[in-house]
Amino acid sequence: MAQIQLILRDGSEMTVAGREGENLMKLIRDGGGYELLALCGGGCSCATCHIYVDERFVDALSPITDEEGELLDCSMHRQAHSRLSCQIPFHAGLDGMRIEIAPEE
């Protein structure tokens, strides 16, 4: 089974099951990563599902959209590998990816 390694805000780690076609936000929440607020439910309108993606997997992700980039620009915690987890569909090429939940705004 495909997996994602999730780093929580306190530094602890958990393994989340990956399911083809599901976005990372849903996988994280379904897997117990409840500190990922995801207030808009995946509508790309709030940036409360902000994560940091392992740089080794950045090229395997769908490109960042203008809308996603604008939301991330509003974050005090944006980094080079910041993404909104609701905008990343999981696929087999992401198996083993490590992601970290960004600090709360």
PDB file of N, CA and C in Angstrom:
ATOM      1  N   MET A   1       0.841  -1.181   0.000  1.00  0.00           N
ATOM      2  CA  MET A   1       0.000   0.000   0.000  1.00  0.00           C
ATOM      3  C   MET A   1       0.890   1.251   0.000  1.00  0.00           C
ATOM      4  N   ALA A   2       0.518   2.228  -0.790  1.00  0.00           N
ATOM      5  CA  ALA A   2       1.256   3.493  -0.859  1.00  0.00           C
ATOM      6  C   ALA A   2       1.108   4.255   0.457  1.00  0.00           C
ATOM      7  N   GLN A   3       2.178   4.966   0.822  1.00  0.00           N
ATOM      8  CA  GLN A   3       2.175   5.682   2.093  1.00  0.00           C
ATOM      9  C   GLN A   3       2.809   7.061   1.967  1.00  0.00           C
ATOM     10  N   ILE A   4       2.421   7.918   2.895  1.00  0.00           N
ATOM     11  CA  ILE A   4       2.993   9.258   3.042  1.00  0.00           C
ATOM     12  C   ILE A   4       3.467   9.367   4.483  1.00  0.00           C
ATOM     13  N   GLN A   5       4.641   9.923   4.673  1.00  0.00           N
ATOM     14  CA  GLN A   5       5.130  10.203   6.022  1.00  0.00           C
ATOM     15  C   GLN A   5       4.753  11.640   6.348  1.00  0.00           C
ATOM     16  N   LEU A   6       3.970  11.814   7.399  1.00  0.00           N
ATOM     17  CA  LEU A   6       3.473  13.121   7.801  1.00  0.00           C
ATOM     18  C   LEU A   6       4.166  13.579   9.072  1.00  0.00           C
ATOM     19  N   ILE A   7       4.712  14.788   9.043  1.00  0.00           N
ATOM     20  CA  ILE A   7       5.339  15.383  10.217  1.00  0.00           C
ATOM     21  C   ILE A   7       4.367  16.410  10.783  1.00  0.00           C
ATOM     22  N   LEU A   8       3.966  16.190  12.026  1.00  0.00           N
ATOM     23  CA  LEU A   8       3.035  17.092  12.689  1.00  0.00           C
ATOM     24  C   LEU A   8       3.775  18.299  13.257  1.00  0.00           C
ATOM     25  N   ARG A   9       3.034  19.283  13.698  1.00  0.00           N
ATOM     26  CA  ARG A   9       3.642  20.534  14.188  1.00  0.00           C
ATOM     27  C   ARG A   9       4.537  20.331  15.401  1.00  0.00           C
ATOM     28  N   ASP A  10       4.276  19.305  16.203  1.00  0.00           N
ATOM     29  CA  ASP A  10       5.115  19.052  17.373  1.00  0.00           C
ATOM     30  C   ASP A  10       6.352  18.225  17.037  1.00  0.00           C
ATOM     31  N   GLY A  11       6.525  17.902  15.752  1.00  0.00           N
ATOM     32  CA  GLY A  11       7.689  17.133  15.317  1.00  0.00           C
ATOM     33  C   GLY A  11       7.463  15.631  15.272  1.00  0.00           C
ATOM     34  N   SER A  12       6.353  15.166  15.816  1.00  0.00           N
ATOM     35  CA  SER A  12       6.073  13.731  15.766  1.00  0.00           C
ATOM     36  C   SER A  12       5.678  13.350  14.340  1.00  0.00           C
ATOM     37  N   GLU A  13       5.806  12.070  14.043  1.00  0.00           N
ATOM     38  CA  GLU A  13       5.528  11.585  12.693  1.00  0.00           C
ATOM     39  C   GLU A  13       4.468  10.502  12.725  1.00  0.00           C
ATOM     40  N   MET A  14       3.743  10.443  11.636  1.00  0.00           N
ATOM     41  CA  MET A  14       2.762   9.382  11.466  1.00  0.00           C
ATOM     42  C   MET A  14       2.740   8.977  10.004  1.00  0.00           C
ATOM     43  N   THR A  15       2.291   7.764   9.747  1.00  0.00           N
ATOM     44  CA  THR A  15       2.171   7.267   8.389  1.00  0.00           C
ATOM     45  C   THR A  15       0.713   7.363   7.974  1.00  0.00           C
ATOM     46  N   VAL A  16       0.507   7.887   6.771  1.00  0.00           N
ATOM     47  CA  VAL A  16      -0.835   8.061   6.220  1.00  0.00           C
ATOM     48  C   VAL A  16      -0.919   7.238   4.938  1.00  0.00           C
ATOM     49  N   ALA A  17      -2.022   6.524   4.780  1.00  0.00           N
ATOM     50  CA  ALA A  17      -2.226   5.723   3.566  1.00  0.00           C
ATOM     51  C   ALA A  17      -2.501   6.633   2.380  1.00  0.00           C
ATOM     52  N   GLY A  18      -1.876   6.318   1.247  1.00  0.00           N
ATOM     53  CA  GLY A  18      -2.116   7.049   0.016  1.00  0.00           C
ATOM     54  C   GLY A  18      -3.111   6.304  -0.853  1.00  0.00           C
ATOM     55  N   ARG A  19      -4.064   7.041  -1.403  1.00  0.00           N
ATOM     56  CA  ARG A  19      -5.052   6.450  -2.306  1.00  0.00           C
ATOM     57  C   ARG A  19      -5.049   7.246  -3.604  1.00  0.00           C
ATOM     58  N   GLU A  20      -4.839   6.561  -4.689  1.00  0.00           N
ATOM     59  CA  GLU A  20      -4.772   7.159  -6.017  1.00  0.00           C
ATOM     60  C   GLU A  20      -5.969   8.084  -6.264  1.00  0.00           C
ATOM     61  N   GLY A  21      -5.685   9.315  -6.673  1.00  0.00           N
ATOM     62  CA  GLY A  21      -6.726  10.257  -7.042  1.00  0.00           C
ATOM     63  C   GLY A  21      -7.248  11.125  -5.915  1.00  0.00           C
ATOM     64  N   GLU A  22      -7.060  10.738  -4.662  1.00  0.00           N
ATOM     65  CA  GLU A  22      -7.490  11.559  -3.520  1.00  0.00           C
ATOM     66  C   GLU A  22      -6.495  12.688  -3.318  1.00  0.00           C
ATOM     67  N   ASN A  23      -6.969  13.862  -2.905  1.00  0.00           N
ATOM     68  CA  ASN A  23      -6.014  14.930  -2.633  1.00  0.00           C
ATOM     69  C   ASN A  23      -5.360  14.706  -1.273  1.00  0.00           C
ATOM     70  N   LEU A  24      -4.177  15.277  -1.113  1.00  0.00           N
ATOM     71  CA  LEU A  24      -3.417  15.070   0.125  1.00  0.00           C
ATOM     72  C   LEU A  24      -4.165  15.566   1.347  1.00  0.00           C
ATOM     73  N   MET A  25      -4.911  16.660   1.223  1.00  0.00           N
ATOM     74  CA  MET A  25      -5.668  17.175   2.355  1.00  0.00           C
ATOM     75  C   MET A  25      -6.607  16.109   2.905  1.00  0.00           C
ATOM     76  N   LYS A  26      -7.349  15.462   2.032  1.00  0.00           N
ATOM     77  CA  LYS A  26      -8.285  14.431   2.467  1.00  0.00           C
ATOM     78  C   LYS A  26      -7.545  13.231   3.063  1.00  0.00           C
ATOM     79  N   LEU A  27      -6.458  12.829   2.452  1.00  0.00           N
ATOM     80  CA  LEU A  27      -5.677  11.707   2.982  1.00  0.00           C
ATOM     81  C   LEU A  27      -5.131  12.012   4.368  1.00  0.00           C
ATOM     82  N   ILE A  28      -4.631  13.227   4.551  1.00  0.00           N
ATOM     83  CA  ILE A  28      -4.085  13.621   5.856  1.00  0.00           C
ATOM     84  C   ILE A  28      -5.185  13.610   6.913  1.00  0.00           C
ATOM     85  N   ARG A  29      -6.307  14.232   6.604  1.00  0.00           N
ATOM     86  CA  ARG A  29      -7.414  14.299   7.568  1.00  0.00           C
ATOM     87  C   ARG A  29      -7.967  12.895   7.860  1.00  0.00           C
ATOM     88  N   ASP A  30      -8.178  12.090   6.822  1.00  0.00           N
ATOM     89  CA  ASP A  30      -8.687  10.734   7.025  1.00  0.00           C
ATOM     90  C   ASP A  30      -7.701   9.874   7.805  1.00  0.00           C
ATOM     91  N   GLY A  31      -6.403  10.186   7.673  1.00  0.00           N
ATOM     92  CA  GLY A  31      -5.370   9.404   8.344  1.00  0.00           C
ATOM     93  C   GLY A  31      -5.070   9.843   9.762  1.00  0.00           C
ATOM     94  N   GLY A  32      -5.774  10.869  10.262  1.00  0.00           N
ATOM     95  CA  GLY A  32      -5.582  11.295  11.650  1.00  0.00           C
ATOM     96  C   GLY A  32      -4.811  12.588  11.826  1.00  0.00           C
ATOM     97  N   GLY A  33      -4.461  13.261  10.749  1.00  0.00           N
ATOM     98  CA  GLY A  33      -3.746  14.534  10.845  1.00  0.00           C
ATOM     99  C   GLY A  33      -4.714  15.681  11.065  1.00  0.00           C
ATOM    100  N   TYR A  34      -5.383  15.663  12.219  1.00  0.00           N
ATOM    101  CA  TYR A  34      -6.479  16.598  12.477  1.00  0.00           C
ATOM    102  C   TYR A  34      -6.022  18.033  12.700  1.00  0.00           C
ATOM    103  N   GLU A  35      -4.752  18.268  12.940  1.00  0.00           N
ATOM    104  CA  GLU A  35      -4.302  19.649  13.121  1.00  0.00           C
ATOM    105  C   GLU A  35      -4.253  20.409  11.796  1.00  0.00           C
ATOM    106  N   LEU A  36      -4.388  19.704  10.700  1.00  0.00           N
ATOM    107  CA  LEU A  36      -4.527  20.338   9.399  1.00  0.00           C
ATOM    108  C   LEU A  36      -5.985  20.793   9.300  1.00  0.00           C
ATOM    109  N   LEU A  37      -6.227  22.082   9.489  1.00  0.00           N
ATOM    110  CA  LEU A  37      -7.598  22.573   9.616  1.00  0.00           C
ATOM    111  C   LEU A  37      -8.431  22.403   8.353  1.00  0.00           C
ATOM    112  N   ALA A  38      -7.913  22.788   7.212  1.00  0.00           N
ATOM    113  CA  ALA A  38      -8.638  22.639   5.944  1.00  0.00           C
ATOM    114  C   ALA A  38     -10.051  23.194   6.040  1.00  0.00           C
ATOM    115  N   LEU A  39     -10.159  24.426   6.492  1.00  0.00           N
ATOM    116  CA  LEU A  39     -11.456  25.037   6.767  1.00  0.00           C
ATOM    117  C   LEU A  39     -12.377  25.125   5.560  1.00  0.00           C
ATOM    118  N   CYS A  40     -11.833  25.325   4.368  1.00  0.00           N
ATOM    119  CA  CYS A  40     -12.691  25.469   3.188  1.00  0.00           C
ATOM    120  C   CYS A  40     -13.039  24.115   2.571  1.00  0.00           C
ATOM    121  N   GLY A  41     -12.529  23.034   3.137  1.00  0.00           N
ATOM    122  CA  GLY A  41     -12.872  21.706   2.652  1.00  0.00           C
ATOM    123  C   GLY A  41     -12.288  21.343   1.302  1.00  0.00           C
ATOM    124  N   GLY A  42     -11.249  22.039   0.898  1.00  0.00           N
ATOM    125  CA  GLY A  42     -10.593  21.712  -0.362  1.00  0.00           C
ATOM    126  C   GLY A  42     -10.946  22.640  -1.504  1.00  0.00           C
ATOM    127  N   GLY A  43     -11.552  23.786  -1.191  1.00  0.00           N
ATOM    128  CA  GLY A  43     -11.971  24.727  -2.216  1.00  0.00           C
ATOM    129  C   GLY A  43     -10.910  25.709  -2.662  1.00  0.00           C
ATOM    130  N   CYS A  44      -9.693  25.554  -2.171  1.00  0.00           N
ATOM    131  CA  CYS A  44      -8.584  26.457  -2.504  1.00  0.00           C
ATOM    132  C   CYS A  44      -8.974  27.908  -2.253  1.00  0.00           C
ATOM    133  N   SER A  45      -9.479  28.149  -1.021  1.00  0.00           N
ATOM    134  CA  SER A  45      -9.874  29.512  -0.695  1.00  0.00           C
ATOM    135  C   SER A  45      -9.449  29.966   0.697  1.00  0.00           C
ATOM    136  N   CYS A  46      -8.638  29.156   1.404  1.00  0.00           N
ATOM    137  CA  CYS A  46      -8.292  29.582   2.766  1.00  0.00           C
ATOM    138  C   CYS A  46      -6.832  29.358   3.166  1.00  0.00           C
ATOM    139  N   ALA A  47      -6.132  28.459   2.574  1.00  0.00           N
ATOM    140  CA  ALA A  47      -4.726  28.142   2.876  1.00  0.00           C
ATOM    141  C   ALA A  47      -4.502  27.521   4.251  1.00  0.00           C
ATOM    142  N   THR A  48      -5.548  26.974   4.878  1.00  0.00           N
ATOM    143  CA  THR A  48      -5.363  26.319   6.176  1.00  0.00           C
ATOM    144  C   THR A  48      -4.932  24.861   6.034  1.00  0.00           C
ATOM    145  N   CYS A  49      -4.629  24.444   4.811  1.00  0.00           N
ATOM    146  CA  CYS A  49      -4.093  23.093   4.581  1.00  0.00           C
ATOM    147  C   CYS A  49      -2.657  23.192   4.050  1.00  0.00           C
ATOM    148  N   HIS A  50      -1.970  24.255   4.431  1.00  0.00           N
ATOM    149  CA  HIS A  50      -0.607  24.542   3.997  1.00  0.00           C
ATOM    150  C   HIS A  50       0.352  23.464   4.521  1.00  0.00           C
ATOM    151  N   ILE A  51       1.146  22.926   3.602  1.00  0.00           N
ATOM    152  CA  ILE A  51       2.144  21.916   3.949  1.00  0.00           C
ATOM    153  C   ILE A  51       3.475  22.262   3.293  1.00  0.00           C
ATOM    154  N   TYR A  52       4.526  21.621   3.783  1.00  0.00           N
ATOM    155  CA  TYR A  52       5.845  21.676   3.151  1.00  0.00           C
ATOM    156  C   TYR A  52       6.110  20.297   2.548  1.00  0.00           C
ATOM    157  N   VAL A  53       6.463  20.287   1.289  1.00  0.00           N
ATOM    158  CA  VAL A  53       6.684  19.041   0.558  1.00  0.00           C
ATOM    159  C   VAL A  53       8.173  18.732   0.496  1.00  0.00           C
ATOM    160  N   ASP A  54       8.512  17.481   0.720  1.00  0.00           N
ATOM    161  CA  ASP A  54       9.888  17.003   0.583  1.00  0.00           C
ATOM    162  C   ASP A  54      10.390  17.391  -0.808  1.00  0.00           C
ATOM    163  N   GLU A  55      11.518  18.084  -0.865  1.00  0.00           N
ATOM    164  CA  GLU A  55      12.021  18.610  -2.143  1.00  0.00           C
ATOM    165  C   GLU A  55      12.264  17.523  -3.182  1.00  0.00           C
ATOM    166  N   ARG A  56      12.491  16.287  -2.752  1.00  0.00           N
ATOM    167  CA  ARG A  56      12.716  15.189  -3.699  1.00  0.00           C
ATOM    168  C   ARG A  56      11.467  14.850  -4.513  1.00  0.00           C
ATOM    169  N   PHE A  57      10.299  15.316  -4.054  1.00  0.00           N
ATOM    170  CA  PHE A  57       9.043  14.984  -4.717  1.00  0.00           C
ATOM    171  C   PHE A  57       8.411  16.171  -5.446  1.00  0.00           C
ATOM    172  N   VAL A  58       9.022  17.331  -5.363  1.00  0.00           N
ATOM    173  CA  VAL A  58       8.430  18.533  -5.954  1.00  0.00           C
ATOM    174  C   VAL A  58       8.153  18.365  -7.443  1.00  0.00           C
ATOM    175  N   ASP A  59       9.072  17.777  -8.168  1.00  0.00           N
ATOM    176  CA  ASP A  59       8.891  17.611  -9.613  1.00  0.00           C
ATOM    177  C   ASP A  59       7.791  16.611  -9.972  1.00  0.00           C
ATOM    178  N   ALA A  60       7.377  15.792  -9.022  1.00  0.00           N
ATOM    179  CA  ALA A  60       6.318  14.808  -9.270  1.00  0.00           C
ATOM    180  C   ALA A  60       4.924  15.381  -9.020  1.00  0.00           C
ATOM    181  N   LEU A  61       4.862  16.619  -8.548  1.00  0.00           N
ATOM    182  CA  LEU A  61       3.577  17.241  -8.237  1.00  0.00           C
ATOM    183  C   LEU A  61       3.006  17.967  -9.441  1.00  0.00           C
ATOM    184  N   SER A  62       1.691  18.130  -9.432  1.00  0.00           N
ATOM    185  CA  SER A  62       1.063  18.986 -10.435  1.00  0.00           C
ATOM    186  C   SER A  62       1.563  20.408 -10.190  1.00  0.00           C
ATOM    187  N   PRO A  63       1.661  21.209 -11.235  1.00  0.00           N
ATOM    188  CA  PRO A  63       2.170  22.578 -11.074  1.00  0.00           C
ATOM    189  C   PRO A  63       1.271  23.415 -10.171  1.00  0.00           C
ATOM    190  N   ILE A  64       1.869  24.351  -9.480  1.00  0.00           N
ATOM    191  CA  ILE A  64       1.122  25.267  -8.635  1.00  0.00           C
ATOM    192  C   ILE A  64       0.329  26.226  -9.527  1.00  0.00           C
ATOM    193  N   THR A  65      -0.916  26.460  -9.170  1.00  0.00           N
ATOM    194  CA  THR A  65      -1.755  27.374  -9.945  1.00  0.00           C
ATOM    195  C   THR A  65      -1.578  28.799  -9.427  1.00  0.00           C
ATOM    196  N   ASP A  66      -2.011  29.767 -10.205  1.00  0.00           N
ATOM    197  CA  ASP A  66      -1.951  31.169  -9.769  1.00  0.00           C
ATOM    198  C   ASP A  66      -2.753  31.370  -8.494  1.00  0.00           C
ATOM    199  N   GLU A  67      -3.930  30.759  -8.420  1.00  0.00           N
ATOM    200  CA  GLU A  67      -4.787  30.896  -7.245  1.00  0.00           C
ATOM    201  C   GLU A  67      -4.099  30.345  -5.989  1.00  0.00           C
ATOM    202  N   GLU A  68      -3.505  29.176  -6.123  1.00  0.00           N
ATOM    203  CA  GLU A  68      -2.796  28.572  -4.990  1.00  0.00           C
ATOM    204  C   GLU A  68      -1.615  29.449  -4.589  1.00  0.00           C
ATOM    205  N   GLY A  69      -0.866  29.940  -5.560  1.00  0.00           N
ATOM    206  CA  GLY A  69       0.273  30.797  -5.278  1.00  0.00           C
ATOM    207  C   GLY A  69      -0.119  32.069  -4.551  1.00  0.00           C
ATOM    208  N   GLU A  70      -1.243  32.668  -4.939  1.00  0.00           N
ATOM    209  CA  GLU A  70      -1.720  33.888  -4.288  1.00  0.00           C
ATOM    210  C   GLU A  70      -2.086  33.623  -2.831  1.00  0.00           C
ATOM    211  N   LEU A  71      -2.730  32.497  -2.559  1.00  0.00           N
ATOM    212  CA  LEU A  71      -3.066  32.150  -1.178  1.00  0.00           C
ATOM    213  C   LEU A  71      -1.804  31.912  -0.352  1.00  0.00           C
ATOM    214  N   LEU A  72      -0.838  31.225  -0.924  1.00  0.00           N
ATOM    215  CA  LEU A  72       0.412  30.975  -0.195  1.00  0.00           C
ATOM    216  C   LEU A  72       1.188  32.261   0.039  1.00  0.00           C
ATOM    217  N   ASP A  73       1.080  33.222  -0.877  1.00  0.00           N
ATOM    218  CA  ASP A  73       1.748  34.509  -0.699  1.00  0.00           C
ATOM    219  C   ASP A  73       1.253  35.247   0.537  1.00  0.00           C
ATOM    220  N   CYS A  74       0.055  34.940   0.977  1.00  0.00           N
ATOM    221  CA  CYS A  74      -0.521  35.585   2.168  1.00  0.00           C
ATOM    222  C   CYS A  74      -0.025  34.949   3.474  1.00  0.00           C
ATOM    223  N   SER A  75       0.681  33.850   3.375  1.00  0.00           N
ATOM    224  CA  SER A  75       1.157  33.145   4.560  1.00  0.00           C
ATOM    225  C   SER A  75       2.495  33.707   5.039  1.00  0.00           C
ATOM    226  N   MET A  76       2.613  33.875   6.341  1.00  0.00           N
ATOM    227  CA  MET A  76       3.892  34.291   6.934  1.00  0.00           C
ATOM    228  C   MET A  76       4.898  33.148   6.922  1.00  0.00           C
ATOM    229  N   HIS A  77       4.430  31.947   6.621  1.00  0.00           N
ATOM    230  CA  HIS A  77       5.271  30.749   6.725  1.00  0.00           C
ATOM    231  C   HIS A  77       5.589  30.116   5.377  1.00  0.00           C
ATOM    232  N   ARG A  78       5.361  30.837   4.285  1.00  0.00           N
ATOM    233  CA  ARG A  78       5.632  30.264   2.966  1.00  0.00           C
ATOM    234  C   ARG A  78       7.122  29.979   2.807  1.00  0.00           C
ATOM    235  N   GLN A  79       7.414  28.809   2.251  1.00  0.00           N
ATOM    236  CA  GLN A  79       8.780  28.400   1.951  1.00  0.00           C
ATOM    237  C   GLN A  79       8.854  27.957   0.491  1.00  0.00           C
ATOM    238  N   ALA A  80      10.037  27.642   0.052  1.00  0.00           N
ATOM    239  CA  ALA A  80      10.238  27.260  -1.351  1.00  0.00           C
ATOM    240  C   ALA A  80       9.379  26.059  -1.765  1.00  0.00           C
ATOM    241  N   HIS A  81       9.121  25.141  -0.833  1.00  0.00           N
ATOM    242  CA  HIS A  81       8.382  23.927  -1.168  1.00  0.00           C
ATOM    243  C   HIS A  81       7.001  23.899  -0.511  1.00  0.00           C
ATOM    244  N   SER A  82       6.431  25.085  -0.281  1.00  0.00           N
ATOM    245  CA  SER A  82       5.083  25.181   0.265  1.00  0.00           C
ATOM    246  C   SER A  82       4.052  24.829  -0.797  1.00  0.00           C
ATOM    247  N   ARG A  83       3.015  24.149  -0.365  1.00  0.00           N
ATOM    248  CA  ARG A  83       1.878  23.847  -1.225  1.00  0.00           C
ATOM    249  C   ARG A  83       0.619  23.795  -0.359  1.00  0.00           C
ATOM    250  N   LEU A  84      -0.523  23.862  -1.005  1.00  0.00           N
ATOM    251  CA  LEU A  84      -1.797  23.612  -0.341  1.00  0.00           C
ATOM    252  C   LEU A  84      -2.140  22.157  -0.604  1.00  0.00           C
ATOM    253  N   SER A  85      -2.333  21.394   0.450  1.00  0.00           N
ATOM    254  CA  SER A  85      -2.540  19.954   0.283  1.00  0.00           C
ATOM    255  C   SER A  85      -3.820  19.625  -0.477  1.00  0.00           C
ATOM    256  N   CYS A  86      -4.783  20.539  -0.494  1.00  0.00           N
ATOM    257  CA  CYS A  86      -6.021  20.277  -1.234  1.00  0.00           C
ATOM    258  C   CYS A  86      -5.807  20.328  -2.741  1.00  0.00           C
ATOM    259  N   GLN A  87      -4.671  20.834  -3.172  1.00  0.00           N
ATOM    260  CA  GLN A  87      -4.401  20.994  -4.597  1.00  0.00           C
ATOM    261  C   GLN A  87      -3.475  19.924  -5.166  1.00  0.00           C
ATOM    262  N   ILE A  88      -3.156  18.917  -4.357  1.00  0.00           N
ATOM    263  CA  ILE A  88      -2.228  17.877  -4.799  1.00  0.00           C
ATOM    264  C   ILE A  88      -2.918  16.524  -4.814  1.00  0.00           C
ATOM    265  N   PRO A  89      -3.241  16.019  -5.999  1.00  0.00           N
ATOM    266  CA  PRO A  89      -3.811  14.672  -6.078  1.00  0.00           C
ATOM    267  C   PRO A  89      -2.709  13.624  -5.873  1.00  0.00           C
ATOM    268  N   PHE A  90      -3.012  12.617  -5.072  1.00  0.00           N
ATOM    269  CA  PHE A  90      -2.042  11.566  -4.820  1.00  0.00           C
ATOM    270  C   PHE A  90      -1.972  10.626  -6.015  1.00  0.00           C
ATOM    271  N   HIS A  91      -0.759  10.183  -6.331  1.00  0.00           N
ATOM    272  CA  HIS A  91      -0.538   9.163  -7.360  1.00  0.00           C
ATOM    273  C   HIS A  91       0.653   8.315  -6.923  1.00  0.00           C
ATOM    274  N   ALA A  92       0.859   7.210  -7.581  1.00  0.00           N
ATOM    275  CA  ALA A  92       1.892   6.235  -7.187  1.00  0.00           C
ATOM    276  C   ALA A  92       3.279   6.853  -7.098  1.00  0.00           C
ATOM    277  N   GLY A  93       3.561   7.867  -7.895  1.00  0.00           N
ATOM    278  CA  GLY A  93       4.870   8.518  -7.859  1.00  0.00           C
ATOM    279  C   GLY A  93       5.146   9.286  -6.581  1.00  0.00           C
ATOM    280  N   LEU A  94       4.116   9.451  -5.732  1.00  0.00           N
ATOM    281  CA  LEU A  94       4.295  10.155  -4.457  1.00  0.00           C
ATOM    282  C   LEU A  94       4.455   9.198  -3.279  1.00  0.00           C
ATOM    283  N   ASP A  95       4.448   7.897  -3.551  1.00  0.00           N
ATOM    284  CA  ASP A  95       4.616   6.899  -2.495  1.00  0.00           C
ATOM    285  C   ASP A  95       5.932   7.156  -1.760  1.00  0.00           C
ATOM    286  N   GLY A  96       5.851   7.258  -0.434  1.00  0.00           N
ATOM    287  CA  GLY A  96       7.036   7.487   0.391  1.00  0.00           C
ATOM    288  C   GLY A  96       7.353   8.950   0.628  1.00  0.00           C
ATOM    289  N   MET A  97       6.575   9.854   0.076  1.00  0.00           N
ATOM    290  CA  MET A  97       6.815  11.283   0.247  1.00  0.00           C
ATOM    291  C   MET A  97       6.662  11.686   1.710  1.00  0.00           C
ATOM    292  N   ARG A  98       7.533  12.602   2.127  1.00  0.00           N
ATOM    293  CA  ARG A  98       7.428  13.183   3.461  1.00  0.00           C
ATOM    294  C   ARG A  98       6.853  14.586   3.309  1.00  0.00           C
ATOM    295  N   ILE A  99       5.849  14.871   4.111  1.00  0.00           N
ATOM    296  CA  ILE A  99       5.291  16.219   4.130  1.00  0.00           C
ATOM    297  C   ILE A  99       5.178  16.682   5.573  1.00  0.00           C
ATOM    298  N   GLU A 100       5.268  17.974   5.745  1.00  0.00           N
ATOM    299  CA  GLU A 100       5.184  18.574   7.076  1.00  0.00           C
ATOM    300  C   GLU A 100       4.053  19.587   7.075  1.00  0.00           C
ATOM    301  N   ILE A 101       3.252  19.561   8.130  1.00  0.00           N
ATOM    302  CA  ILE A 101       2.191  20.545   8.264  1.00  0.00           C
ATOM    303  C   ILE A 101       2.822  21.864   8.672  1.00  0.00           C
ATOM    304  N   ALA A 102       2.528  22.923   7.921  1.00  0.00           N
ATOM    305  CA  ALA A 102       3.091  24.247   8.188  1.00  0.00           C
ATOM    306  C   ALA A 102       2.523  24.794   9.506  1.00  0.00           C
ATOM    307  N   PRO A 103       3.243  25.727  10.135  1.00  0.00           N
ATOM    308  CA  PRO A 103       2.739  26.338  11.357  1.00  0.00           C
ATOM    309  C   PRO A 103       1.385  27.016  11.122  1.00  0.00           C
ATOM    310  N   GLU A 104       0.599  27.058  12.169  1.00  0.00           N
ATOM    311  CA  GLU A 104      -0.703  27.713  12.080  1.00  0.00           C
ATOM    312  C   GLU A 104      -0.508  29.218  11.971  1.00  0.00           C
ATOM    313  N   GLU A 105      -1.345  29.860  11.181  1.00  0.00           N
ATOM    314  CA  GLU A 105      -1.270  31.318  10.998  1.00  0.00           C
ATOM    315  C   GLU A 105      -1.890  32.009  12.192  1.00  0.00           C
TER     316      GLU A 105
END
